[in-house]
N, C-alpha and C. Protein backbone atom coordinates (compact mmCIF):
# COMPACT_ATOMS: atom_id res chain seq x y z
N MET A 1 -24.40 -45.42 -14.82
CA MET A 1 -25.47 -46.22 -14.34
C MET A 1 -26.89 -45.41 -13.55
N GLN A 2 -28.16 -46.71 -13.95
CA GLN A 2 -29.13 -45.68 -13.63
C GLN A 2 -29.54 -45.74 -12.07
N LEU A 3 -29.52 -44.28 -11.82
CA LEU A 3 -30.04 -44.55 -10.26
C LEU A 3 -31.01 -45.58 -10.08
N GLU A 4 -31.64 -46.26 -10.74
CA GLU A 4 -32.56 -47.45 -9.64
C GLU A 4 -32.25 -48.51 -9.74
N SER A 5 -30.89 -48.89 -10.36
CA SER A 5 -29.93 -50.09 -10.23
C SER A 5 -29.20 -49.48 -9.06
N LEU A 6 -28.85 -48.24 -8.22
CA LEU A 6 -28.23 -48.31 -7.27
C LEU A 6 -28.12 -48.63 -6.27
N ASP A 7 -27.56 -49.72 -5.46
CA ASP A 7 -27.34 -50.37 -4.55
C ASP A 7 -26.63 -49.78 -3.21
N LEU A 8 -27.48 -48.85 -2.25
CA LEU A 8 -26.54 -48.42 -0.95
C LEU A 8 -25.29 -49.49 -0.63
N GLU A 9 -25.63 -50.72 -0.43
CA GLU A 9 -23.87 -51.26 -0.15
C GLU A 9 -22.95 -51.85 -0.84
N SER A 10 -23.43 -52.08 -1.75
CA SER A 10 -22.60 -52.87 -2.98
C SER A 10 -21.44 -51.43 -3.69
N HIS A 11 -22.77 -50.38 -3.45
CA HIS A 11 -21.86 -49.10 -4.54
C HIS A 11 -22.11 -48.21 -3.46
N ALA A 12 -21.21 -48.46 -2.09
CA ALA A 12 -20.65 -47.66 -1.22
C ALA A 12 -19.80 -46.86 -1.34
N LYS A 13 -18.90 -47.23 -1.96
CA LYS A 13 -17.53 -46.30 -2.43
C LYS A 13 -17.80 -45.27 -3.57
N GLN A 14 -18.61 -46.05 -4.47
CA GLN A 14 -18.84 -44.92 -5.28
C GLN A 14 -19.87 -43.65 -5.02
N ILE A 15 -20.70 -43.97 -4.08
CA ILE A 15 -21.44 -42.38 -3.31
C ILE A 15 -20.89 -42.42 -2.22
N ILE A 16 -19.96 -42.42 -1.71
CA ILE A 16 -19.41 -42.10 -0.55
C ILE A 16 -18.45 -41.00 -1.11
N ALA A 17 -17.61 -41.57 -2.05
CA ALA A 17 -16.57 -40.57 -3.25
C ALA A 17 -17.34 -39.32 -3.56
N ARG A 18 -18.48 -39.39 -4.18
CA ARG A 18 -19.25 -38.23 -4.87
C ARG A 18 -19.61 -37.59 -3.83
N VAL A 19 -20.54 -38.27 -3.24
CA VAL A 19 -21.24 -37.14 -2.25
C VAL A 19 -20.01 -36.36 -1.51
N VAL A 20 -18.96 -37.25 -0.71
CA VAL A 20 -17.91 -36.48 -0.20
C VAL A 20 -17.30 -35.07 -1.34
N GLU A 21 -16.68 -35.36 -2.54
CA GLU A 21 -16.37 -34.86 -3.36
C GLU A 21 -17.56 -33.31 -3.29
N ARG A 22 -18.95 -33.93 -3.88
CA ARG A 22 -19.45 -32.69 -4.67
C ARG A 22 -20.56 -32.51 -4.15
N GLY A 23 -21.18 -32.92 -3.00
CA GLY A 23 -22.11 -33.05 -1.99
C GLY A 23 -22.24 -31.80 -1.62
N GLY A 24 -23.04 -31.49 -0.69
CA GLY A 24 -23.18 -30.64 0.16
C GLY A 24 -23.58 -30.92 1.70
N LEU A 25 -23.65 -30.57 2.79
CA LEU A 25 -23.78 -30.60 4.00
C LEU A 25 -24.82 -31.57 4.49
N GLU A 26 -25.96 -31.75 3.01
CA GLU A 26 -27.11 -32.58 3.81
C GLU A 26 -27.06 -33.83 3.49
N GLY A 27 -25.90 -34.00 2.14
CA GLY A 27 -25.63 -35.41 1.64
C GLY A 27 -24.83 -36.09 2.84
N TRP A 28 -23.72 -34.53 3.55
CA TRP A 28 -23.11 -35.21 4.14
C TRP A 28 -23.90 -35.97 5.72
N HIS A 29 -24.51 -35.22 6.05
CA HIS A 29 -24.98 -35.76 7.19
C HIS A 29 -25.96 -36.76 6.90
N LYS A 30 -26.82 -37.40 5.52
CA LYS A 30 -27.43 -38.58 4.99
C LYS A 30 -26.42 -39.95 5.18
N LEU A 31 -25.39 -39.47 4.70
CA LEU A 31 -24.02 -40.47 4.46
C LEU A 31 -23.69 -40.96 5.97
N ARG A 32 -23.84 -40.09 6.69
CA ARG A 32 -23.30 -40.18 8.45
C ARG A 32 -24.22 -41.56 8.81
N ARG A 33 -25.59 -40.83 8.97
CA ARG A 33 -26.98 -41.39 9.29
C ARG A 33 -26.78 -42.90 8.75
N HIS A 34 -26.48 -42.88 7.41
CA HIS A 34 -26.42 -44.63 6.97
C HIS A 34 -25.49 -45.32 7.19
N TYR A 35 -24.26 -44.65 6.55
CA TYR A 35 -22.97 -45.80 6.81
C TYR A 35 -22.29 -45.70 8.28
N GLY A 36 -22.52 -44.77 9.01
CA GLY A 36 -21.31 -44.04 10.58
C GLY A 36 -20.14 -44.36 10.05
N ASP A 37 -19.77 -43.46 11.07
CA ASP A 37 -18.32 -43.06 10.98
C ASP A 37 -17.38 -44.23 10.55
N GLU A 38 -17.41 -45.27 10.99
CA GLU A 38 -16.16 -45.83 10.84
C GLU A 38 -16.48 -46.62 9.24
N LYS A 39 -17.30 -46.70 9.09
CA LYS A 39 -17.84 -47.20 7.92
C LYS A 39 -17.24 -46.24 6.38
N LEU A 40 -17.61 -44.92 6.84
CA LEU A 40 -16.70 -43.48 5.76
C LEU A 40 -15.26 -43.99 6.44
N ARG A 41 -14.97 -43.26 7.56
CA ARG A 41 -13.33 -43.57 7.49
C ARG A 41 -12.82 -44.74 6.67
N GLN A 42 -13.40 -45.71 6.69
CA GLN A 42 -13.11 -47.00 6.00
C GLN A 42 -12.47 -47.12 4.41
N VAL A 43 -13.60 -45.90 4.39
CA VAL A 43 -13.59 -46.11 2.59
C VAL A 43 -13.26 -44.25 2.08
N VAL A 44 -13.08 -43.50 2.85
CA VAL A 44 -11.97 -42.65 2.57
C VAL A 44 -11.13 -42.23 2.83
N THR A 45 -10.40 -43.09 3.41
CA THR A 45 -9.00 -42.63 3.72
C THR A 45 -8.21 -43.82 2.50
N ARG A 46 -9.42 -44.84 2.20
CA ARG A 46 -8.66 -45.39 0.88
C ARG A 46 -8.72 -44.92 -0.25
N LEU A 47 -9.45 -43.73 -0.41
CA LEU A 47 -9.62 -42.99 -1.98
C LEU A 47 -8.38 -42.85 -2.57
N ARG A 48 -8.11 -42.88 -3.83
CA ARG A 48 -6.91 -42.09 -4.48
C ARG A 48 -7.08 -40.50 -4.68
N THR A 49 -7.43 -40.08 -4.49
CA THR A 49 -8.07 -38.97 -5.28
C THR A 49 -8.63 -37.93 -4.14
N LEU A 50 -8.61 -36.75 -3.62
CA LEU A 50 -9.31 -35.95 -3.31
C LEU A 50 -9.26 -34.73 -2.80
N GLU A 51 -9.78 -33.46 -2.58
CA GLU A 51 -9.20 -32.04 -3.26
C GLU A 51 -8.57 -32.05 -1.20
N PRO A 52 -7.67 -31.32 -1.43
CA PRO A 52 -7.08 -30.76 -0.44
C PRO A 52 -7.97 -30.43 0.84
N ARG A 53 -9.05 -29.55 0.53
CA ARG A 53 -9.90 -28.81 1.50
C ARG A 53 -11.10 -30.47 1.66
N THR A 54 -11.28 -30.86 0.91
CA THR A 54 -11.73 -32.48 1.01
C THR A 54 -11.47 -33.06 2.65
N VAL A 55 -10.22 -33.17 2.24
CA VAL A 55 -8.96 -33.66 3.18
C VAL A 55 -9.38 -33.00 4.49
N ASN A 56 -9.22 -31.81 4.37
CA ASN A 56 -9.40 -31.31 6.00
C ASN A 56 -10.74 -31.23 6.26
N PHE A 57 -11.64 -31.34 5.52
CA PHE A 57 -12.99 -31.15 6.44
C PHE A 57 -13.45 -32.85 7.28
N LEU A 58 -12.24 -33.53 5.90
CA LEU A 58 -12.68 -35.09 6.55
C LEU A 58 -12.21 -35.67 8.35
N CYS A 59 -10.82 -34.29 7.99
CA CYS A 59 -9.99 -34.71 9.08
C CYS A 59 -10.62 -34.18 10.28
N LEU A 60 -10.87 -32.95 9.94
CA LEU A 60 -12.02 -32.30 11.65
C LEU A 60 -13.26 -33.51 11.30
N MET A 61 -14.33 -33.99 10.34
CA MET A 61 -15.55 -34.64 10.83
C MET A 61 -15.15 -35.98 11.07
N LEU A 62 -14.03 -36.85 10.87
CA LEU A 62 -13.66 -38.32 11.76
C LEU A 62 -13.11 -38.42 12.28
N ASN A 63 -12.36 -36.79 12.90
CA ASN A 63 -11.05 -36.90 13.84
C ASN A 63 -9.95 -38.42 12.82
N LEU A 64 -9.61 -37.34 11.86
CA LEU A 64 -8.46 -38.26 11.29
C LEU A 64 -7.40 -37.32 11.11
N ASN A 65 -5.59 -37.69 10.81
CA ASN A 65 -4.55 -36.96 9.97
C ASN A 65 -4.62 -37.32 8.73
N LYS A 66 -3.99 -35.99 8.60
CA LYS A 66 -3.84 -36.29 7.09
C LYS A 66 -2.98 -37.53 6.56
N ASP A 67 -2.13 -38.38 7.56
CA ASP A 67 -1.04 -39.32 7.31
C ASP A 67 -2.34 -40.44 6.62
N ASP A 68 -3.40 -40.00 7.41
CA ASP A 68 -4.19 -41.65 7.41
C ASP A 68 -4.87 -41.74 6.11
N PHE A 69 -4.73 -41.08 5.06
CA PHE A 69 -5.31 -41.00 3.58
C PHE A 69 -4.21 -41.55 2.68
N ARG A 70 -5.05 -42.47 1.93
CA ARG A 70 -3.80 -42.85 0.88
C ARG A 70 -3.40 -42.28 -0.35
N CYS A 71 -4.59 -40.84 -0.46
CA CYS A 71 -4.39 -39.77 -1.61
C CYS A 71 -3.06 -38.85 -1.07
N CYS A 72 -3.02 -38.43 0.30
CA CYS A 72 -2.00 -37.66 0.75
C CYS A 72 -0.44 -38.94 1.05
N THR A 73 -0.39 -40.16 1.51
CA THR A 73 0.73 -40.57 1.40
C THR A 73 1.50 -41.21 0.00
N SER A 74 0.53 -41.34 -0.48
CA SER A 74 1.12 -42.73 -1.77
C SER A 74 1.17 -41.35 -3.43
N ARG A 75 2.53 -41.84 -3.86
CA ARG A 75 2.94 -41.51 -4.90
C ARG A 75 1.58 -41.92 -6.00
N PRO A 76 1.29 -40.61 -6.66
CA PRO A 76 0.46 -41.09 -7.95
C PRO A 76 0.94 -42.05 -8.77
N PHE A 77 2.13 -42.19 -9.39
CA PHE A 77 2.87 -43.15 -10.48
C PHE A 77 4.58 -43.16 -9.39
N PRO A 78 4.67 -44.64 -9.95
CA PRO A 78 6.07 -45.11 -9.27
C PRO A 78 7.20 -44.60 -10.56
N SER A 79 7.88 -44.45 -9.55
CA SER A 79 8.99 -44.03 -10.19
C SER A 79 9.42 -44.76 -11.28
N ALA A 80 10.18 -43.60 -12.53
CA ALA A 80 10.90 -44.46 -13.31
C ALA A 80 12.41 -44.18 -13.19
N PRO A 81 12.68 -45.88 -13.92
CA PRO A 81 13.88 -46.75 -13.73
C PRO A 81 14.77 -45.66 -14.23
N TRP A 82 14.72 -44.47 -15.37
CA TRP A 82 15.59 -44.09 -15.78
C TRP A 82 15.21 -42.08 -15.38
N ILE A 83 14.83 -42.17 -14.18
CA ILE A 83 14.53 -40.94 -13.61
C ILE A 83 15.20 -41.04 -12.24
N SER A 84 16.54 -39.77 -11.70
CA SER A 84 17.15 -40.26 -10.66
C SER A 84 17.13 -39.01 -9.96
């Protein structure tokens, strides 16, 4: 994806995920100013994968619990019927 074709609203999930995982504190502050805490909560809690340190940071910054995150509560793969 070209940077010029990036739309901040239609690509919000991808932008938020990338900045949260790989960005610095300055990027985090820009996300909060642009999207607001409620939008950030909606997006980050639905992400499938997040590093544990990122989850801890988001819990502190957005007043969330680890149980609020999909990546912490869902199983990565459905259980196979032949495994008991």
